[in-house]
Amino acid sequence: MSYDASTIAMLRTVLDELLVSEAFTRQGDFAAVDVAQCVLKLASQGERDALNIKRYVSSKLVAEAAA
Protein backbone atom coordinates (compact mmCIF):
# COMPACT_ATOMS: atom_id res chain seq x y z
CA MET A 1 0.00 0.00 0.00
CA SER A 2 1.28 3.46 -0.80
CA TYR A 3 0.50 6.65 1.07
CA ASP A 4 0.48 10.24 -0.10
CA ALA A 5 2.77 12.79 1.51
CA SER A 6 0.07 14.25 3.77
CA THR A 7 -0.86 10.80 5.10
CA ILE A 8 2.77 9.97 5.81
CA ALA A 9 3.17 13.28 7.65
CA MET A 10 0.03 12.59 9.70
CA LEU A 11 1.18 9.07 10.59
CA ARG A 12 4.60 10.39 11.61
CA THR A 13 2.99 13.02 13.84
CA VAL A 14 0.71 10.41 15.41
CA LEU A 15 3.68 8.13 16.09
CA ASP A 16 5.75 10.97 17.56
CA GLU A 17 2.88 11.97 19.85
CA LEU A 18 2.28 8.39 20.97
CA LEU A 19 5.94 7.80 21.78
CA VAL A 20 6.05 10.77 24.16
CA SER A 21 2.65 10.05 25.68
CA GLU A 22 2.20 8.97 29.26
CA ALA A 23 0.46 5.83 28.04
CA PHE A 24 3.66 4.75 26.26
CA THR A 25 6.17 5.84 28.86
CA ARG A 26 4.29 4.15 31.73
CA GLN A 27 4.01 0.74 30.11
CA GLY A 28 6.94 -1.60 29.74
CA ASP A 29 5.96 -4.23 27.21
CA PHE A 30 5.70 -2.33 23.94
CA ALA A 31 8.75 -1.01 22.12
CA ALA A 32 8.56 1.94 19.75
CA VAL A 33 8.56 -0.47 16.81
CA ASP A 34 5.47 -2.20 18.24
CA VAL A 35 3.65 1.13 18.39
CA ALA A 36 4.72 1.94 14.83
CA GLN A 37 3.48 -1.44 13.61
CA CYS A 38 0.12 -0.85 15.25
CA VAL A 39 -0.18 2.60 13.66
CA LEU A 40 0.71 1.20 10.24
CA LYS A 41 -1.69 -1.71 10.61
CA LEU A 42 -4.55 0.70 11.28
CA ALA A 43 -3.50 2.83 8.30
CA SER A 44 -3.35 -0.23 6.06
CA GLN A 45 -6.91 -1.02 7.11
CA GLY A 46 -7.97 2.40 5.89
CA GLU A 47 -7.97 4.44 9.11
CA ARG A 48 -6.99 8.04 8.37
CA ASP A 49 -8.27 9.86 11.43
CA ALA A 50 -5.31 10.75 13.63
CA LEU A 51 -7.43 10.94 16.77
CA ASN A 52 -8.91 7.49 16.19
CA ILE A 53 -5.45 6.00 15.69
CA LYS A 54 -4.11 7.65 18.85
CA ARG A 55 -7.12 6.53 20.88
CA TYR A 56 -6.86 2.94 19.72
CA VAL A 57 -3.12 2.63 20.30
CA SER A 58 -3.28 4.49 23.61
CA SER A 59 -6.01 2.15 24.84
CA LYS A 60 -3.80 -0.83 24.00
CA LEU A 61 -0.89 0.74 25.87
CA VAL A 62 -3.01 1.53 28.94
CA ALA A 63 -4.39 -2.01 28.95
CA GLU A 64 -0.86 -3.43 28.88
CA ALA A 65 0.26 -1.15 31.70
CA ALA A 66 -2.68 -2.30 33.82
CA ALA A 67 -2.04 -5.98 33.16
C-alpha atoms as a PDB file:
ATOM      1  CA  MET A   1       0.000   0.000   0.000  1.00  0.00           C
ATOM      2  CA  SER A   2       1.277   3.456  -0.799  1.00  0.00           C
ATOM      3  CA  TYR A   3       0.495   6.652   1.066  1.00  0.00           C
ATOM      4  CA  ASP A   4       0.479  10.235  -0.105  1.00  0.00           C
ATOM      5  CA  ALA A   5       2.769  12.789   1.510  1.00  0.00           C
ATOM      6  CA  SER A   6       0.074  14.248   3.767  1.00  0.00           C
ATOM      7  CA  THR A   7      -0.862  10.799   5.097  1.00  0.00           C
ATOM      8  CA  ILE A   8       2.769   9.966   5.808  1.00  0.00           C
ATOM      9  CA  ALA A   9       3.165  13.280   7.652  1.00  0.00           C
ATOM     10  CA  MET A  10       0.032  12.589   9.703  1.00  0.00           C
ATOM     11  CA  LEU A  11       1.180   9.075  10.589  1.00  0.00           C
ATOM     12  CA  ARG A  12       4.599  10.390  11.608  1.00  0.00           C
ATOM     13  CA  THR A  13       2.995  13.022  13.836  1.00  0.00           C
ATOM     14  CA  VAL A  14       0.713  10.412  15.414  1.00  0.00           C
ATOM     15  CA  LEU A  15       3.677   8.126  16.088  1.00  0.00           C
ATOM     16  CA  ASP A  16       5.749  10.968  17.561  1.00  0.00           C
ATOM     17  CA  GLU A  17       2.881  11.969  19.851  1.00  0.00           C
ATOM     18  CA  LEU A  18       2.277   8.393  20.969  1.00  0.00           C
ATOM     19  CA  LEU A  19       5.940   7.801  21.776  1.00  0.00           C
ATOM     20  CA  VAL A  20       6.054  10.772  24.162  1.00  0.00           C
ATOM     21  CA  SER A  21       2.652  10.053  25.676  1.00  0.00           C
ATOM     22  CA  GLU A  22       2.204   8.968  29.265  1.00  0.00           C
ATOM     23  CA  ALA A  23       0.460   5.831  28.035  1.00  0.00           C
ATOM     24  CA  PHE A  24       3.658   4.752  26.256  1.00  0.00           C
ATOM     25  CA  THR A  25       6.173   5.845  28.862  1.00  0.00           C
ATOM     26  CA  ARG A  26       4.286   4.153  31.735  1.00  0.00           C
ATOM     27  CA  GLN A  27       4.008   0.737  30.114  1.00  0.00           C
ATOM     28  CA  GLY A  28       6.937  -1.600  29.740  1.00  0.00           C
ATOM     29  CA  ASP A  29       5.955  -4.232  27.210  1.00  0.00           C
ATOM     30  CA  PHE A  30       5.698  -2.326  23.940  1.00  0.00           C
ATOM     31  CA  ALA A  31       8.748  -1.010  22.117  1.00  0.00           C
ATOM     32  CA  ALA A  32       8.562   1.940  19.749  1.00  0.00           C
ATOM     33  CA  VAL A  33       8.559  -0.469  16.810  1.00  0.00           C
ATOM     34  CA  ASP A  34       5.471  -2.196  18.239  1.00  0.00           C
ATOM     35  CA  VAL A  35       3.645   1.126  18.394  1.00  0.00           C
ATOM     36  CA  ALA A  36       4.724   1.936  14.832  1.00  0.00           C
ATOM     37  CA  GLN A  37       3.479  -1.437  13.612  1.00  0.00           C
ATOM     38  CA  CYS A  38       0.119  -0.849  15.251  1.00  0.00           C
ATOM     39  CA  VAL A  39      -0.181   2.597  13.658  1.00  0.00           C
ATOM     40  CA  LEU A  40       0.712   1.195  10.235  1.00  0.00           C
ATOM     41  CA  LYS A  41      -1.693  -1.706  10.608  1.00  0.00           C
ATOM     42  CA  LEU A  42      -4.550   0.701  11.281  1.00  0.00           C
ATOM     43  CA  ALA A  43      -3.503   2.829   8.305  1.00  0.00           C
ATOM     44  CA  SER A  44      -3.345  -0.229   6.064  1.00  0.00           C
ATOM     45  CA  GLN A  45      -6.909  -1.025   7.114  1.00  0.00           C
ATOM     46  CA  GLY A  46      -7.965   2.402   5.894  1.00  0.00           C
ATOM     47  CA  GLU A  47      -7.971   4.440   9.114  1.00  0.00           C
ATOM     48  CA  ARG A  48      -6.986   8.035   8.370  1.00  0.00           C
ATOM     49  CA  ASP A  49      -8.274   9.859  11.429  1.00  0.00           C
ATOM     50  CA  ALA A  50      -5.312  10.746  13.634  1.00  0.00           C
ATOM     51  CA  LEU A  51      -7.428  10.943  16.766  1.00  0.00           C
ATOM     52  CA  ASN A  52      -8.914   7.489  16.186  1.00  0.00           C
ATOM     53  CA  ILE A  53      -5.452   6.005  15.688  1.00  0.00           C
ATOM     54  CA  LYS A  54      -4.115   7.651  18.853  1.00  0.00           C
ATOM     55  CA  ARG A  55      -7.124   6.533  20.879  1.00  0.00           C
ATOM     56  CA  TYR A  56      -6.864   2.942  19.718  1.00  0.00           C
ATOM     57  CA  VAL A  57      -3.122   2.630  20.295  1.00  0.00           C
ATOM     58  CA  SER A  58      -3.279   4.492  23.615  1.00  0.00           C
ATOM     59  CA  SER A  59      -6.006   2.153  24.841  1.00  0.00           C
ATOM     60  CA  LYS A  60      -3.802  -0.833  24.004  1.00  0.00           C
ATOM     61  CA  LEU A  61      -0.889   0.744  25.875  1.00  0.00           C
ATOM     62  CA  VAL A  62      -3.009   1.531  28.945  1.00  0.00           C
ATOM     63  CA  ALA A  63      -4.391  -2.006  28.945  1.00  0.00           C
ATOM     64  CA  GLU A  64      -0.857  -3.427  28.878  1.00  0.00           C
ATOM     65  CA  ALA A  65       0.263  -1.148  31.700  1.00  0.00           C
ATOM     66  CA  ALA A  66      -2.678  -2.297  33.816  1.00  0.00           C
ATOM     67  CA  ALA A  67      -2.042  -5.981  33.156  1.00  0.00           C
END
